[in-house]
Amino acid sequence: MLILMLVMAGVGVAAAQSPESSDTSDPTLRVGLYLSPPFVMESENGYSGMAVELWEGMADDLGLRFRYEVFPTIAALVSATETSTIDVAVTNLTITRDRAERIEFTHPWFDAGLRIMVHDEAGASFSSIIEGLAVSGHLRAYAWIGGVIVLATLILTLFDRRFDKNFPKRWRDGVAESFYTVMSVATSGRPPARKNLFGWLGRFWQALWLVCGVAVLAYVTSSVTSVMTTLALTSEINAVEDLPGKAVAAFEGSVGEGYAQAQGLRPRAFANVDRAVDALILGRVDAIIADAPVLEYYAHTHPEQPVSVVGAIFEPDKYGFGLPDNSSLVRPLTVALIGAHEAGEIEAIRARYFAD
């Protein structure tokens, strides 16, 4: 009995000294954000966007206190939710089977899907033109034309030194003069003013030179134009069917990245839409695969950028808020979302961001 009394006394002292975690713990929820206009945006006054506005309305109705934590990628946001580092993931988070096996989702609140963004001026670059000319055999023809120009320059130099008394006596001056004459004929079809040394026969000879120059100019112009046209047609992207063989970009950990990998496209991953668009404009990628509303909103709010969203929506999906497994917030947030949907509140928020 003495031992029992001592044990009970020790338990009582330990209980008295232990902190009351339920009373002193911070009830503030940790809400993770991923910046993705127009769903989550940052400004001088804090955070805004459709997802933020919807979340704050529900949190106010449920009397929830919270603080925001921003994550650099969707993958980081999902991982933080899975490990309970945060209590709620707020962004345009697509509900997928893979994610549903790791975290829980609320009732869907937005219907979306994937689309493609391309460069308005995508087409033939200098390197691709050179490659096209080489493949088509035009570069070999250009080499022959260059050889003819060199040979014509030498012949004309010898000819004028023999028959034109006013021709420069120094070789370098004479070669330069002849080269200028030959290139004038080859590039413009017109020779510079020259003295006719052989009367009517000289005029026939000059006319023949003009015909050769026009032919060379026409050939070079038509060959370059045909190669550029071919490259423009083959590099055009109008739908998802045109993506095989192209360099594509996607957001790290996004549904677009997963779709591209499943199609064997080997996408380049970027943290957000701004970095992906920079790569598109610089020609590092040919297209961006991402959520349709994100790409459409970017194109609409950045009219100065030479980008366009093309093709129909593919891989339709839905957005929901993410929570850790067995979270007690899943049911109240789902009920609040259904109520907001029935009351037309979600549609009113959507119209403010997507009315145009």
Foldseek 3Di string as FASTA:
>chain_A
DVVVVVVVVVVVVVVVPDDPCVVPPDQAFEEEEEDFPQQWDQDPVGIDHLQVVLVVVLCVVVVHHYDYDYDLAPVVLLVCQLVPVGFKYTGQAFDDPVSVVRWPWADFQDKWFKFKKFFLPDFDDPVQLVVLCVVVVNVVVVVVVVVVLLVQLVVVLVVCVVQPPPQDPDPVSSSVLSSQQLVCCQAPLDGDDDDQRDPPVSVVVSNVSSVVNVVNNVVVVVSSVVSRVVRRVLLDDAAPVSQVPWAEEEAPPAVQVVVCVVVVNPYDHDSHDVVRLVCNVVPVGGMYMYIPVSVVLVCVVCVVGRMDIHDDGDPMTTGTMIHYPPRPVRVSVNVSSVVCVVVCNSVVSCCVRPVD
